Amino acid sequence: MNGKKNMRRISVLVTAQTAYNLDKLAAMCGYRERGHVIDKLVREKMLQLNGGKRHEQNEN
């Protein structure tokens, strides 16, 4: 494997309060950037919406 990740650069416009909370969550989780927090939140939300169906299929 070449070690490259499938990443895309995006810009996000948020309120000052949301930016503060993203920084706070990043610090709590040990992430260096806000983008990692956004990625984690989106991943968790998609699992919640899908009911974890894809994850359950991979385990069987």
PDB file of N, CA and C in Angstrom:
ATOM      1  N   MET A   1       0.827  -1.181   0.000  1.00  0.00           N
ATOM      2  CA  MET A   1       0.000   0.000   0.000  1.00  0.00           C
ATOM      3  C   MET A   1       0.876   1.251   0.000  1.00  0.00           C
ATOM      4  N   ASN A   2       0.384   2.293  -0.624  1.00  0.00           N
ATOM      5  CA  ASN A   2       1.184   3.504  -0.740  1.00  0.00           C
ATOM      6  C   ASN A   2       0.968   4.484   0.409  1.00  0.00           C
ATOM      7  N   GLY A   3       0.039   4.227   1.312  1.00  0.00           N
ATOM      8  CA  GLY A   3      -0.153   5.076   2.479  1.00  0.00           C
ATOM      9  C   GLY A   3      -0.977   6.323   2.229  1.00  0.00           C
ATOM     10  N   LYS A   4      -1.409   6.560   0.993  1.00  0.00           N
ATOM     11  CA  LYS A   4      -2.225   7.740   0.713  1.00  0.00           C
ATOM     12  C   LYS A   4      -3.658   7.489   1.143  1.00  0.00           C
ATOM     13  N   LYS A   5      -4.287   8.541   1.625  1.00  0.00           N
ATOM     14  CA  LYS A   5      -5.671   8.432   2.058  1.00  0.00           C
ATOM     15  C   LYS A   5      -6.577   9.109   1.045  1.00  0.00           C
ATOM     16  N   ASN A   6      -7.796   8.661   0.987  1.00  0.00           N
ATOM     17  CA  ASN A   6      -8.779   9.211   0.062  1.00  0.00           C
ATOM     18  C   ASN A   6      -9.382  10.470   0.688  1.00  0.00           C
ATOM     19  N   MET A   7      -8.692  11.600   0.541  1.00  0.00           N
ATOM     20  CA  MET A   7      -9.094  12.838   1.191  1.00  0.00           C
ATOM     21  C   MET A   7      -9.479  13.884   0.153  1.00  0.00           C
ATOM     22  N   ARG A   8     -10.375  14.773   0.548  1.00  0.00           N
ATOM     23  CA  ARG A   8     -10.777  15.909  -0.278  1.00  0.00           C
ATOM     24  C   ARG A   8     -10.681  17.161   0.568  1.00  0.00           C
ATOM     25  N   ARG A   9     -10.276  18.257  -0.040  1.00  0.00           N
ATOM     26  CA  ARG A   9     -10.195  19.532   0.667  1.00  0.00           C
ATOM     27  C   ARG A   9     -11.501  20.287   0.449  1.00  0.00           C
ATOM     28  N   ILE A  10     -12.140  20.685   1.550  1.00  0.00           N
ATOM     29  CA  ILE A  10     -13.378  21.451   1.462  1.00  0.00           C
ATOM     30  C   ILE A  10     -13.284  22.662   2.383  1.00  0.00           C
ATOM     31  N   SER A  11     -14.121  23.643   2.128  1.00  0.00           N
ATOM     32  CA  SER A  11     -14.237  24.808   3.007  1.00  0.00           C
ATOM     33  C   SER A  11     -15.604  24.761   3.664  1.00  0.00           C
ATOM     34  N   VAL A  12     -15.641  25.080   4.944  1.00  0.00           N
ATOM     35  CA  VAL A  12     -16.888  25.033   5.695  1.00  0.00           C
ATOM     36  C   VAL A  12     -17.092  26.375   6.380  1.00  0.00           C
ATOM     37  N   LEU A  13     -18.267  26.938   6.220  1.00  0.00           N
ATOM     38  CA  LEU A  13     -18.608  28.194   6.871  1.00  0.00           C
ATOM     39  C   LEU A  13     -19.491  27.885   8.074  1.00  0.00           C
ATOM     40  N   VAL A  14     -19.007  28.216   9.268  1.00  0.00           N
ATOM     41  CA  VAL A  14     -19.743  27.937  10.499  1.00  0.00           C
ATOM     42  C   VAL A  14     -19.750  29.180  11.383  1.00  0.00           C
ATOM     43  N   THR A  15     -20.610  29.160  12.379  1.00  0.00           N
ATOM     44  CA  THR A  15     -20.652  30.270  13.326  1.00  0.00           C
ATOM     45  C   THR A  15     -19.440  30.198  14.251  1.00  0.00           C
ATOM     46  N   ALA A  16     -19.202  31.283  14.961  1.00  0.00           N
ATOM     47  CA  ALA A  16     -18.085  31.328  15.904  1.00  0.00           C
ATOM     48  C   ALA A  16     -18.261  30.275  16.996  1.00  0.00           C
ATOM     49  N   GLN A  17     -19.484  30.080  17.428  1.00  0.00           N
ATOM     50  CA  GLN A  17     -19.749  29.097  18.477  1.00  0.00           C
ATOM     51  C   GLN A  17     -19.449  27.680  17.988  1.00  0.00           C
ATOM     52  N   THR A  18     -19.832  27.377  16.753  1.00  0.00           N
ATOM     53  CA  THR A  18     -19.558  26.054  16.196  1.00  0.00           C
ATOM     54  C   THR A  18     -18.057  25.843  16.030  1.00  0.00           C
ATOM     55  N   ALA A  19     -17.350  26.865  15.577  1.00  0.00           N
ATOM     56  CA  ALA A  19     -15.892  26.761  15.432  1.00  0.00           C
ATOM     57  C   ALA A  19     -15.242  26.500  16.788  1.00  0.00           C
ATOM     58  N   TYR A  20     -15.712  27.192  17.806  1.00  0.00           N
ATOM     59  CA  TYR A  20     -15.191  26.991  19.154  1.00  0.00           C
ATOM     60  C   TYR A  20     -15.444  25.555  19.614  1.00  0.00           C
ATOM     61  N   ASN A  21     -16.660  25.072  19.373  1.00  0.00           N
ATOM     62  CA  ASN A  21     -17.005  23.714  19.789  1.00  0.00           C
ATOM     63  C   ASN A  21     -16.231  22.659  19.005  1.00  0.00           C
ATOM     64  N   LEU A  22     -15.977  22.901  17.725  1.00  0.00           N
ATOM     65  CA  LEU A  22     -15.160  21.972  16.941  1.00  0.00           C
ATOM     66  C   LEU A  22     -13.740  21.909  17.494  1.00  0.00           C
ATOM     67  N   ASP A  23     -13.195  23.067  17.849  1.00  0.00           N
ATOM     68  CA  ASP A  23     -11.856  23.095  18.448  1.00  0.00           C
ATOM     69  C   ASP A  23     -11.836  22.361  19.785  1.00  0.00           C
ATOM     70  N   LYS A  24     -12.883  22.559  20.563  1.00  0.00           N
ATOM     71  CA  LYS A  24     -12.975  21.907  21.869  1.00  0.00           C
ATOM     72  C   LYS A  24     -13.072  20.386  21.712  1.00  0.00           C
ATOM     73  N   LEU A  25     -13.898  19.932  20.770  1.00  0.00           N
ATOM     74  CA  LEU A  25     -14.014  18.492  20.515  1.00  0.00           C
ATOM     75  C   LEU A  25     -12.706  17.912  19.992  1.00  0.00           C
ATOM     76  N   ALA A  26     -12.020  18.666  19.142  1.00  0.00           N
ATOM     77  CA  ALA A  26     -10.734  18.199  18.615  1.00  0.00           C
ATOM     78  C   ALA A  26      -9.728  18.019  19.746  1.00  0.00           C
ATOM     79  N   ALA A  27      -9.708  18.964  20.667  1.00  0.00           N
ATOM     80  CA  ALA A  27      -8.788  18.866  21.801  1.00  0.00           C
ATOM     81  C   ALA A  27      -9.147  17.681  22.695  1.00  0.00           C
ATOM     82  N   MET A  28     -10.434  17.466  22.909  1.00  0.00           N
ATOM     83  CA  MET A  28     -10.878  16.364  23.763  1.00  0.00           C
ATOM     84  C   MET A  28     -10.522  15.010  23.159  1.00  0.00           C
ATOM     85  N   CYS A  29     -10.624  14.904  21.833  1.00  0.00           N
ATOM     86  CA  CYS A  29     -10.365  13.629  21.154  1.00  0.00           C
ATOM     87  C   CYS A  29      -8.902  13.460  20.756  1.00  0.00           C
ATOM     88  N   GLY A  30      -8.121  14.514  20.909  1.00  0.00           N
ATOM     89  CA  GLY A  30      -6.711  14.434  20.552  1.00  0.00           C
ATOM     90  C   GLY A  30      -6.446  14.613  19.069  1.00  0.00           C
ATOM     91  N   TYR A  31      -7.387  15.215  18.356  1.00  0.00           N
ATOM     92  CA  TYR A  31      -7.198  15.473  16.928  1.00  0.00           C
ATOM     93  C   TYR A  31      -6.448  16.780  16.739  1.00  0.00           C
ATOM     94  N   ARG A  32      -5.720  16.872  15.641  1.00  0.00           N
ATOM     95  CA  ARG A  32      -4.962  18.090  15.359  1.00  0.00           C
ATOM     96  C   ARG A  32      -5.804  19.128  14.640  1.00  0.00           C
ATOM     97  N   GLU A  33      -6.830  18.677  13.920  1.00  0.00           N
ATOM     98  CA  GLU A  33      -7.593  19.587  13.069  1.00  0.00           C
ATOM     99  C   GLU A  33      -9.090  19.417  13.268  1.00  0.00           C
ATOM    100  N   ARG A  34      -9.818  20.468  12.924  1.00  0.00           N
ATOM    101  CA  ARG A  34     -11.280  20.435  12.995  1.00  0.00           C
ATOM    102  C   ARG A  34     -11.854  19.421  12.010  1.00  0.00           C
ATOM    103  N   GLY A  35     -11.180  19.249  10.894  1.00  0.00           N
ATOM    104  CA  GLY A  35     -11.671  18.342   9.857  1.00  0.00           C
ATOM    105  C   GLY A  35     -11.850  16.919  10.351  1.00  0.00           C
ATOM    106  N   HIS A  36     -10.991  16.488  11.252  1.00  0.00           N
ATOM    107  CA  HIS A  36     -11.114  15.141  11.807  1.00  0.00           C
ATOM    108  C   HIS A  36     -12.394  15.019  12.633  1.00  0.00           C
ATOM    109  N   VAL A  37     -12.738  16.089  13.336  1.00  0.00           N
ATOM    110  CA  VAL A  37     -13.969  16.090  14.129  1.00  0.00           C
ATOM    111  C   VAL A  37     -15.176  16.019  13.203  1.00  0.00           C
ATOM    112  N   ILE A  38     -15.162  16.821  12.147  1.00  0.00           N
ATOM    113  CA  ILE A  38     -16.267  16.805  11.188  1.00  0.00           C
ATOM    114  C   ILE A  38     -16.406  15.418  10.580  1.00  0.00           C
ATOM    115  N   ASP A  39     -15.286  14.818  10.207  1.00  0.00           N
ATOM    116  CA  ASP A  39     -15.298  13.482   9.620  1.00  0.00           C
ATOM    117  C   ASP A  39     -15.911  12.464  10.579  1.00  0.00           C
ATOM    118  N   LYS A  40     -15.516  12.534  11.838  1.00  0.00           N
ATOM    119  CA  LYS A  40     -16.040  11.599  12.829  1.00  0.00           C
ATOM    120  C   LYS A  40     -17.534  11.808  13.059  1.00  0.00           C
ATOM    121  N   LEU A  41     -17.963  13.066  13.145  1.00  0.00           N
ATOM    122  CA  LEU A  41     -19.381  13.352  13.362  1.00  0.00           C
ATOM    123  C   LEU A  41     -20.234  12.860  12.196  1.00  0.00           C
ATOM    124  N   VAL A  42     -19.757  13.071  10.984  1.00  0.00           N
ATOM    125  CA  VAL A  42     -20.501  12.615   9.803  1.00  0.00           C
ATOM    126  C   VAL A  42     -20.555  11.094   9.768  1.00  0.00           C
ATOM    127  N   ARG A  43     -19.441  10.452  10.062  1.00  0.00           N
ATOM    128  CA  ARG A  43     -19.401   8.986  10.064  1.00  0.00           C
ATOM    129  C   ARG A  43     -20.383   8.418  11.085  1.00  0.00           C
ATOM    130  N   GLU A  44     -20.392   8.989  12.298  1.00  0.00           N
ATOM    131  CA  GLU A  44     -21.310   8.521  13.338  1.00  0.00           C
ATOM    132  C   GLU A  44     -22.764   8.746  12.949  1.00  0.00           C
ATOM    133  N   LYS A  45     -23.049   9.885  12.338  1.00  0.00           N
ATOM    134  CA  LYS A  45     -24.428  10.188  11.927  1.00  0.00           C
ATOM    135  C   LYS A  45     -24.885   9.230  10.836  1.00  0.00           C
ATOM    136  N   MET A  46     -24.017   8.920   9.881  1.00  0.00           N
ATOM    137  CA  MET A  46     -24.391   7.991   8.814  1.00  0.00           C
ATOM    138  C   MET A  46     -24.647   6.591   9.372  1.00  0.00           C
ATOM    139  N   LEU A  47     -23.848   6.172  10.334  1.00  0.00           N
ATOM    140  CA  LEU A  47     -24.096   4.878  10.969  1.00  0.00           C
ATOM    141  C   LEU A  47     -25.433   4.882  11.693  1.00  0.00           C
ATOM    142  N   GLN A  48     -25.740   5.995  12.333  1.00  0.00           N
ATOM    143  CA  GLN A  48     -27.010   6.116  13.043  1.00  0.00           C
ATOM    144  C   GLN A  48     -28.184   6.065  12.067  1.00  0.00           C
ATOM    145  N   LEU A  49     -28.076   6.764  10.961  1.00  0.00           N
ATOM    146  CA  LEU A  49     -29.159   6.794   9.980  1.00  0.00           C
ATOM    147  C   LEU A  49     -29.348   5.445   9.301  1.00  0.00           C
ATOM    148  N   ASN A  50     -28.253   4.768   9.022  1.00  0.00           N
ATOM    149  CA  ASN A  50     -28.325   3.468   8.358  1.00  0.00           C
ATOM    150  C   ASN A  50     -28.566   2.335   9.340  1.00  0.00           C
ATOM    151  N   GLY A  51     -28.557   2.629  10.600  1.00  0.00           N
ATOM    152  CA  GLY A  51     -28.761   1.596  11.602  1.00  0.00           C
ATOM    153  C   GLY A  51     -27.601   0.627  11.702  1.00  0.00           C
ATOM    154  N   GLY A  52     -26.448   1.013  11.202  1.00  0.00           N
ATOM    155  CA  GLY A  52     -25.282   0.139  11.259  1.00  0.00           C
ATOM    156  C   GLY A  52     -25.405  -1.073  10.360  1.00  0.00           C
ATOM    157  N   LYS A  53     -26.290  -1.034   9.370  1.00  0.00           N
ATOM    158  CA  LYS A  53     -26.537  -2.190   8.504  1.00  0.00           C
ATOM    159  C   LYS A  53     -25.284  -2.636   7.776  1.00  0.00           C
ATOM    160  N   ARG A  54     -24.539  -1.695   7.230  1.00  0.00           N
ATOM    161  CA  ARG A  54     -23.347  -2.056   6.471  1.00  0.00           C
ATOM    162  C   ARG A  54     -22.304  -2.689   7.386  1.00  0.00           C
ATOM    163  N   HIS A  55     -22.148  -2.139   8.576  1.00  0.00           N
ATOM    164  CA  HIS A  55     -21.175  -2.674   9.526  1.00  0.00           C
ATOM    165  C   HIS A  55     -21.566  -4.084   9.949  1.00  0.00           C
ATOM    166  N   GLU A  56     -22.858  -4.319  10.164  1.00  0.00           N
ATOM    167  CA  GLU A  56     -23.321  -5.646  10.563  1.00  0.00           C
ATOM    168  C   GLU A  56     -23.098  -6.658   9.454  1.00  0.00           C
ATOM    169  N   GLN A  57     -23.273  -6.260   8.199  1.00  0.00           N
ATOM    170  CA  GLN A  57     -23.069  -7.174   7.081  1.00  0.00           C
ATOM    171  C   GLN A  57     -21.608  -7.590   6.983  1.00  0.00           C
ATOM    172  N   ASN A  58     -20.692  -6.664   7.267  1.00  0.00           N
ATOM    173  CA  ASN A  58     -19.273  -6.976   7.183  1.00  0.00           C
ATOM    174  C   ASN A  58     -18.837  -7.950   8.268  1.00  0.00           C
ATOM    175  N   GLU A  59     -19.515  -7.944   9.411  1.00  0.00           N
ATOM    176  CA  GLU A  59     -19.148  -8.836  10.505  1.00  0.00           C
ATOM    177  C   GLU A  59     -19.595 -10.265  10.249  1.00  0.00           C
ATOM    178  N   ASN A  60     -20.659 -10.468   9.480  1.00  0.00           N
ATOM    179  CA  ASN A  60     -21.192 -11.821   9.247  1.00  0.00           C
ATOM    180  C   ASN A  60     -20.460 -12.544   8.173  1.00  0.00           C
TER     181      ASN A  60
END
